[in-house]
Amino acid sequence: MLLISSSRDFYASSPTAQVIYWGDLDSHGFAILNRLRSHGVTARSVLMDIQTLDAYADLCVMEPVPSTARLVYLTAAELETLQVLAERGNTRLEQERIPWERAVATLSRAAGSAERTVAGPGNTPETQLLE
């Protein structure tokens, strides 16, 4: 497993890498994910869904200046989560507020799933976890 915070150069040299993206659960976190995908990176978001938002609603704060970027590379579920954030008054859940034990367990499961997807005869798993 490879942990990095910048992906474009790495992904260009490893186009079969499975990218797992975990950012702040807010408009800017989704804007970063959108920008990543706009460069051709196939990334799967984790801990950026309505279930996570609801589970840690008491840890949310208001996002002072929401992103106004046009987010055309998000999935339907990600767009729905973004809409819920807006409907709740531009709520944000910063990733460092999520209990570390939950984050590690979820990221480990996601990385294991990605490794099983990529691993095969003659190749080694490559997994990126992005901030």
N, C-alpha and C. Protein backbone atom coordinates (compact mmCIF):
# COMPACT_ATOMS: atom_id res chain seq x y z
N MET A 1 0.85 -1.16 0.00
CA MET A 1 0.00 0.00 0.00
C MET A 1 0.90 1.23 0.00
N LEU A 2 0.55 2.19 -0.82
CA LEU A 2 1.32 3.42 -0.93
C LEU A 2 0.43 4.57 -0.49
N LEU A 3 0.90 5.37 0.45
CA LEU A 3 0.15 6.53 0.92
C LEU A 3 0.79 7.77 0.33
N ILE A 4 0.01 8.53 -0.43
CA ILE A 4 0.53 9.76 -1.01
C ILE A 4 -0.53 10.84 -0.94
N SER A 5 -0.13 12.08 -1.11
CA SER A 5 -1.11 13.17 -1.11
C SER A 5 -1.18 13.87 -2.46
N SER A 6 -0.30 13.56 -3.38
CA SER A 6 -0.35 14.13 -4.72
C SER A 6 -0.34 12.97 -5.70
N SER A 7 -1.24 13.00 -6.68
CA SER A 7 -1.41 11.79 -7.48
C SER A 7 -1.05 11.89 -8.94
N ARG A 8 -1.07 13.05 -9.53
CA ARG A 8 -0.99 13.13 -10.99
C ARG A 8 0.26 12.44 -11.53
N ASP A 9 1.44 12.75 -11.00
CA ASP A 9 2.67 12.15 -11.52
C ASP A 9 2.71 10.64 -11.26
N PHE A 10 2.32 10.24 -10.06
CA PHE A 10 2.33 8.82 -9.75
C PHE A 10 1.36 8.07 -10.65
N TYR A 11 0.16 8.61 -10.79
CA TYR A 11 -0.85 7.92 -11.59
C TYR A 11 -0.43 7.81 -13.05
N ALA A 12 0.22 8.83 -13.55
CA ALA A 12 0.69 8.79 -14.95
C ALA A 12 1.68 7.65 -15.14
N SER A 13 2.49 7.36 -14.12
CA SER A 13 3.46 6.28 -14.24
C SER A 13 2.87 4.92 -13.83
N SER A 14 1.69 4.91 -13.23
CA SER A 14 1.03 3.68 -12.78
C SER A 14 -0.46 3.74 -13.09
N PRO A 15 -0.84 3.73 -14.36
CA PRO A 15 -2.25 3.94 -14.71
C PRO A 15 -3.20 2.85 -14.25
N THR A 16 -2.68 1.70 -13.80
CA THR A 16 -3.56 0.65 -13.30
C THR A 16 -3.79 0.75 -11.80
N ALA A 17 -3.19 1.75 -11.17
CA ALA A 17 -3.35 1.92 -9.72
C ALA A 17 -4.81 2.16 -9.37
N GLN A 18 -5.24 1.59 -8.27
CA GLN A 18 -6.58 1.83 -7.76
C GLN A 18 -6.48 2.99 -6.76
N VAL A 19 -7.15 4.09 -7.04
CA VAL A 19 -7.07 5.28 -6.20
C VAL A 19 -8.28 5.34 -5.29
N ILE A 20 -8.00 5.43 -4.00
CA ILE A 20 -9.05 5.58 -2.99
C ILE A 20 -8.90 6.97 -2.42
N TYR A 21 -9.95 7.77 -2.54
CA TYR A 21 -9.89 9.17 -2.13
C TYR A 21 -10.72 9.38 -0.87
N TRP A 22 -10.11 9.98 0.13
CA TRP A 22 -10.82 10.38 1.35
C TRP A 22 -10.45 11.82 1.63
N GLY A 23 -11.41 12.69 1.47
CA GLY A 23 -11.20 14.10 1.74
C GLY A 23 -12.21 14.59 2.75
N ASP A 24 -12.13 15.87 3.07
CA ASP A 24 -13.15 16.45 3.93
C ASP A 24 -14.51 16.24 3.27
N LEU A 25 -15.50 15.97 4.07
CA LEU A 25 -16.86 15.77 3.57
C LEU A 25 -17.51 17.15 3.48
N ASP A 26 -17.13 17.86 2.40
CA ASP A 26 -17.65 19.20 2.14
C ASP A 26 -17.49 19.51 0.66
N SER A 27 -17.91 20.69 0.26
CA SER A 27 -17.88 21.02 -1.16
C SER A 27 -16.45 21.04 -1.70
N HIS A 28 -15.49 21.45 -0.90
CA HIS A 28 -14.11 21.50 -1.37
C HIS A 28 -13.51 20.09 -1.49
N GLY A 29 -13.88 19.19 -0.58
CA GLY A 29 -13.43 17.81 -0.70
C GLY A 29 -13.94 17.18 -1.99
N PHE A 30 -15.21 17.46 -2.33
CA PHE A 30 -15.75 16.95 -3.58
C PHE A 30 -15.13 17.66 -4.79
N ALA A 31 -14.79 18.92 -4.65
CA ALA A 31 -14.14 19.64 -5.76
C ALA A 31 -12.77 19.04 -6.05
N ILE A 32 -12.03 18.66 -5.01
CA ILE A 32 -10.73 18.03 -5.21
C ILE A 32 -10.90 16.67 -5.91
N LEU A 33 -11.88 15.90 -5.47
CA LEU A 33 -12.17 14.61 -6.11
C LEU A 33 -12.54 14.81 -7.58
N ASN A 34 -13.36 15.79 -7.85
CA ASN A 34 -13.75 16.11 -9.22
C ASN A 34 -12.53 16.48 -10.07
N ARG A 35 -11.65 17.30 -9.51
CA ARG A 35 -10.44 17.71 -10.23
C ARG A 35 -9.54 16.51 -10.50
N LEU A 36 -9.42 15.62 -9.53
CA LEU A 36 -8.62 14.41 -9.70
C LEU A 36 -9.16 13.58 -10.87
N ARG A 37 -10.46 13.38 -10.89
CA ARG A 37 -11.07 12.60 -11.97
C ARG A 37 -10.97 13.32 -13.31
N SER A 38 -10.96 14.65 -13.29
CA SER A 38 -10.87 15.39 -14.55
C SER A 38 -9.53 15.17 -15.24
N HIS A 39 -8.54 14.68 -14.50
CA HIS A 39 -7.23 14.35 -15.06
C HIS A 39 -7.15 12.90 -15.50
N GLY A 40 -8.29 12.22 -15.50
CA GLY A 40 -8.32 10.84 -15.97
C GLY A 40 -8.09 9.79 -14.91
N VAL A 41 -8.01 10.22 -13.67
CA VAL A 41 -7.78 9.27 -12.57
C VAL A 41 -9.12 8.66 -12.17
N THR A 42 -9.18 7.34 -12.15
CA THR A 42 -10.35 6.64 -11.67
C THR A 42 -10.22 6.51 -10.16
N ALA A 43 -10.97 7.29 -9.44
CA ALA A 43 -10.86 7.32 -7.98
C ALA A 43 -12.20 6.95 -7.35
N ARG A 44 -12.12 6.20 -6.27
CA ARG A 44 -13.31 5.82 -5.50
C ARG A 44 -13.26 6.56 -4.18
N SER A 45 -14.32 7.29 -3.85
CA SER A 45 -14.36 8.02 -2.59
C SER A 45 -14.80 7.08 -1.46
N VAL A 46 -14.26 7.33 -0.28
CA VAL A 46 -14.67 6.60 0.92
C VAL A 46 -14.90 7.62 2.04
N LEU A 47 -15.81 7.28 2.92
CA LEU A 47 -16.16 8.13 4.06
C LEU A 47 -16.63 9.51 3.62
N MET A 48 -17.23 9.57 2.43
CA MET A 48 -17.73 10.83 1.89
C MET A 48 -19.16 10.61 1.39
N ASP A 49 -19.99 10.08 2.28
CA ASP A 49 -21.35 9.74 1.90
C ASP A 49 -22.32 10.19 2.98
N ILE A 50 -23.60 10.06 2.70
CA ILE A 50 -24.63 10.51 3.63
C ILE A 50 -24.58 9.71 4.92
N GLN A 51 -24.29 8.42 4.84
CA GLN A 51 -24.23 7.60 6.05
C GLN A 51 -23.15 8.12 7.01
N THR A 52 -21.99 8.46 6.46
CA THR A 52 -20.91 9.00 7.29
C THR A 52 -21.32 10.36 7.86
N LEU A 53 -21.92 11.19 7.04
CA LEU A 53 -22.38 12.50 7.47
C LEU A 53 -23.37 12.36 8.62
N ASP A 54 -24.35 11.47 8.48
CA ASP A 54 -25.34 11.26 9.53
C ASP A 54 -24.73 10.67 10.80
N ALA A 55 -23.79 9.74 10.63
CA ALA A 55 -23.18 9.09 11.79
C ALA A 55 -22.40 10.08 12.66
N TYR A 56 -21.86 11.13 12.04
CA TYR A 56 -21.03 12.09 12.77
C TYR A 56 -21.58 13.50 12.67
N ALA A 57 -22.91 13.62 12.59
CA ALA A 57 -23.55 14.93 12.45
C ALA A 57 -23.18 15.86 13.60
N ASP A 58 -22.97 15.30 14.77
CA ASP A 58 -22.62 16.14 15.93
C ASP A 58 -21.21 16.72 15.83
N LEU A 59 -20.41 16.24 14.89
CA LEU A 59 -19.04 16.74 14.71
C LEU A 59 -18.92 17.72 13.54
N CYS A 60 -20.05 17.99 12.88
CA CYS A 60 -20.04 18.88 11.72
C CYS A 60 -19.96 20.34 12.13
N VAL A 61 -19.42 21.13 11.25
CA VAL A 61 -19.37 22.58 11.41
C VAL A 61 -19.86 23.19 10.09
N MET A 62 -20.03 24.48 10.08
CA MET A 62 -20.44 25.16 8.85
C MET A 62 -19.22 25.42 7.98
N GLU A 63 -19.39 25.25 6.69
CA GLU A 63 -18.34 25.55 5.73
C GLU A 63 -18.41 27.04 5.42
N PRO A 64 -17.36 27.80 5.74
CA PRO A 64 -17.46 29.26 5.60
C PRO A 64 -17.64 29.75 4.17
N VAL A 65 -16.93 29.17 3.23
CA VAL A 65 -17.01 29.60 1.82
C VAL A 65 -17.08 28.34 0.95
N PRO A 66 -18.29 27.88 0.64
CA PRO A 66 -18.42 26.67 -0.18
C PRO A 66 -17.83 26.86 -1.58
N SER A 67 -17.37 25.77 -2.13
CA SER A 67 -16.85 25.78 -3.49
C SER A 67 -18.00 26.02 -4.47
N THR A 68 -17.70 26.78 -5.51
CA THR A 68 -18.68 27.02 -6.56
C THR A 68 -18.27 26.32 -7.86
N ALA A 69 -17.31 25.42 -7.76
CA ALA A 69 -16.82 24.70 -8.94
C ALA A 69 -17.95 23.89 -9.57
N ARG A 70 -17.87 23.73 -10.86
CA ARG A 70 -18.81 22.87 -11.59
C ARG A 70 -18.28 21.44 -11.48
N LEU A 71 -19.04 20.59 -10.81
CA LEU A 71 -18.56 19.24 -10.47
C LEU A 71 -19.22 18.21 -11.37
N VAL A 72 -18.60 17.97 -12.51
CA VAL A 72 -19.20 17.09 -13.52
C VAL A 72 -18.70 15.65 -13.45
N TYR A 73 -17.72 15.39 -12.61
CA TYR A 73 -17.14 14.04 -12.55
C TYR A 73 -17.57 13.27 -11.30
N LEU A 74 -18.53 13.78 -10.55
CA LEU A 74 -18.98 13.08 -9.35
C LEU A 74 -20.05 12.05 -9.72
N THR A 75 -20.15 11.00 -8.90
CA THR A 75 -21.19 10.00 -9.09
C THR A 75 -22.52 10.56 -8.60
N ALA A 76 -23.58 9.86 -8.92
CA ALA A 76 -24.91 10.28 -8.45
C ALA A 76 -24.96 10.32 -6.92
N ALA A 77 -24.37 9.33 -6.27
CA ALA A 77 -24.37 9.30 -4.80
C ALA A 77 -23.57 10.46 -4.23
N GLU A 78 -22.45 10.79 -4.86
CA GLU A 78 -21.63 11.91 -4.39
C GLU A 78 -22.37 13.23 -4.58
N LEU A 79 -23.05 13.39 -5.72
CA LEU A 79 -23.84 14.59 -5.95
C LEU A 79 -24.99 14.71 -4.94
N GLU A 80 -25.59 13.58 -4.60
CA GLU A 80 -26.66 13.58 -3.60
C GLU A 80 -26.11 14.02 -2.24
N THR A 81 -24.95 13.52 -1.88
CA THR A 81 -24.33 13.92 -0.61
C THR A 81 -24.01 15.41 -0.62
N LEU A 82 -23.48 15.90 -1.72
CA LEU A 82 -23.19 17.32 -1.85
C LEU A 82 -24.46 18.15 -1.68
N GLN A 83 -25.56 17.69 -2.25
CA GLN A 83 -26.84 18.39 -2.12
C GLN A 83 -27.30 18.42 -0.66
N VAL A 84 -27.14 17.30 0.03
CA VAL A 84 -27.53 17.23 1.44
C VAL A 84 -26.67 18.21 2.26
N LEU A 85 -25.39 18.28 1.96
CA LEU A 85 -24.52 19.24 2.66
C LEU A 85 -25.05 20.66 2.49
N ALA A 86 -25.43 21.01 1.26
CA ALA A 86 -25.96 22.35 0.98
C ALA A 86 -27.29 22.58 1.71
N GLU A 87 -28.16 21.58 1.67
CA GLU A 87 -29.47 21.70 2.32
C GLU A 87 -29.35 21.86 3.83
N ARG A 88 -28.29 21.36 4.38
CA ARG A 88 -28.08 21.47 5.84
C ARG A 88 -27.29 22.72 6.20
N GLY A 89 -27.29 23.68 5.30
CA GLY A 89 -26.65 24.96 5.60
C GLY A 89 -25.16 24.98 5.33
N ASN A 90 -24.74 24.28 4.27
CA ASN A 90 -23.31 24.18 3.93
C ASN A 90 -22.50 23.58 5.07
N THR A 91 -22.97 22.43 5.48
CA THR A 91 -22.31 21.66 6.53
C THR A 91 -21.02 21.07 5.99
N ARG A 92 -20.08 20.86 6.89
CA ARG A 92 -18.85 20.16 6.51
C ARG A 92 -18.45 19.25 7.67
N LEU A 93 -17.91 18.10 7.29
CA LEU A 93 -17.33 17.18 8.27
C LEU A 93 -15.88 17.01 7.88
N GLU A 94 -15.01 17.63 8.66
CA GLU A 94 -13.59 17.54 8.37
C GLU A 94 -13.10 16.13 8.70
N GLN A 95 -12.25 15.61 7.83
CA GLN A 95 -11.84 14.22 7.97
C GLN A 95 -11.18 13.92 9.30
N GLU A 96 -10.47 14.89 9.88
CA GLU A 96 -9.80 14.63 11.15
C GLU A 96 -10.77 14.52 12.32
N ARG A 97 -12.03 14.86 12.13
CA ARG A 97 -13.03 14.73 13.19
C ARG A 97 -13.59 13.31 13.28
N ILE A 98 -13.46 12.55 12.21
CA ILE A 98 -13.93 11.16 12.22
C ILE A 98 -12.99 10.35 13.11
N PRO A 99 -13.54 9.56 14.02
CA PRO A 99 -12.66 8.76 14.90
C PRO A 99 -11.67 7.93 14.09
N TRP A 100 -10.43 7.99 14.51
CA TRP A 100 -9.35 7.36 13.77
C TRP A 100 -9.58 5.87 13.57
N GLU A 101 -10.12 5.20 14.58
CA GLU A 101 -10.36 3.76 14.47
C GLU A 101 -11.31 3.46 13.31
N ARG A 102 -12.35 4.26 13.17
CA ARG A 102 -13.31 4.07 12.06
C ARG A 102 -12.64 4.36 10.72
N ALA A 103 -11.87 5.42 10.68
CA ALA A 103 -11.20 5.79 9.42
C ALA A 103 -10.25 4.69 8.98
N VAL A 104 -9.42 4.22 9.89
CA VAL A 104 -8.44 3.18 9.54
C VAL A 104 -9.15 1.91 9.08
N ALA A 105 -10.18 1.51 9.80
CA ALA A 105 -10.90 0.29 9.43
C ALA A 105 -11.53 0.43 8.04
N THR A 106 -12.15 1.56 7.77
CA THR A 106 -12.81 1.77 6.48
C THR A 106 -11.79 1.85 5.35
N LEU A 107 -10.70 2.58 5.57
CA LEU A 107 -9.67 2.69 4.55
C LEU A 107 -8.99 1.35 4.30
N SER A 108 -8.78 0.58 5.35
CA SER A 108 -8.16 -0.73 5.19
C SER A 108 -9.05 -1.66 4.37
N ARG A 109 -10.36 -1.63 4.64
CA ARG A 109 -11.29 -2.45 3.85
C ARG A 109 -11.28 -1.99 2.39
N ALA A 110 -11.29 -0.69 2.18
CA ALA A 110 -11.29 -0.16 0.81
C ALA A 110 -9.99 -0.53 0.10
N ALA A 111 -8.87 -0.44 0.78
CA ALA A 111 -7.58 -0.79 0.18
C ALA A 111 -7.52 -2.29 -0.12
N GLY A 112 -8.04 -3.10 0.76
CA GLY A 112 -8.07 -4.54 0.52
C GLY A 112 -8.91 -4.88 -0.68
N SER A 113 -10.03 -4.20 -0.83
CA SER A 113 -10.89 -4.40 -1.99
C SER A 113 -10.17 -3.96 -3.26
N ALA A 114 -9.46 -2.85 -3.20
CA ALA A 114 -8.73 -2.36 -4.37
C ALA A 114 -7.60 -3.32 -4.73
N GLU A 115 -6.92 -3.85 -3.72
CA GLU A 115 -5.82 -4.77 -3.99
C GLU A 115 -6.33 -6.05 -4.64
N ARG A 116 -7.47 -6.54 -4.19
CA ARG A 116 -8.04 -7.74 -4.82
C ARG A 116 -8.43 -7.45 -6.26
N THR A 117 -8.83 -6.22 -6.53
CA THR A 117 -9.22 -5.85 -7.88
C THR A 117 -8.03 -5.78 -8.81
N VAL A 118 -6.91 -5.26 -8.33
CA VAL A 118 -5.74 -5.04 -9.17
C VAL A 118 -4.86 -6.28 -9.24
N ALA A 119 -4.73 -7.01 -8.14
CA ALA A 119 -3.78 -8.12 -8.08
C ALA A 119 -4.17 -9.21 -9.07
N GLY A 120 -3.16 -9.76 -9.70
CA GLY A 120 -3.39 -10.85 -10.63
C GLY A 120 -2.07 -11.49 -10.97
N PRO A 121 -2.07 -12.49 -11.82
CA PRO A 121 -0.83 -13.16 -12.19
C PRO A 121 0.18 -12.18 -12.76
N GLY A 122 1.34 -12.14 -12.16
CA GLY A 122 2.43 -11.34 -12.67
C GLY A 122 2.39 -9.86 -12.33
N ASN A 123 1.39 -9.40 -11.59
CA ASN A 123 1.40 -7.99 -11.19
C ASN A 123 1.19 -7.85 -9.70
N THR A 124 1.63 -6.74 -9.16
CA THR A 124 1.50 -6.51 -7.73
C THR A 124 0.46 -5.42 -7.49
N PRO A 125 -0.22 -5.49 -6.36
CA PRO A 125 -1.23 -4.47 -6.07
C PRO A 125 -0.59 -3.10 -5.88
N GLU A 126 -1.26 -2.09 -6.39
CA GLU A 126 -0.86 -0.72 -6.16
C GLU A 126 -2.09 0.01 -5.64
N THR A 127 -1.98 0.59 -4.47
CA THR A 127 -3.10 1.31 -3.89
C THR A 127 -2.62 2.66 -3.43
N GLN A 128 -3.40 3.70 -3.73
CA GLN A 128 -3.10 5.04 -3.28
C GLN A 128 -4.22 5.47 -2.34
N LEU A 129 -3.89 6.03 -1.21
CA LEU A 129 -4.86 6.67 -0.35
C LEU A 129 -4.55 8.15 -0.39
N LEU A 130 -5.50 8.94 -0.81
CA LEU A 130 -5.28 10.37 -1.00
C LEU A 130 -5.97 11.17 0.07
N GLU A 131 -5.37 12.27 0.46
CA GLU A 131 -6.03 13.18 1.38
C GLU A 131 -6.98 14.06 0.61
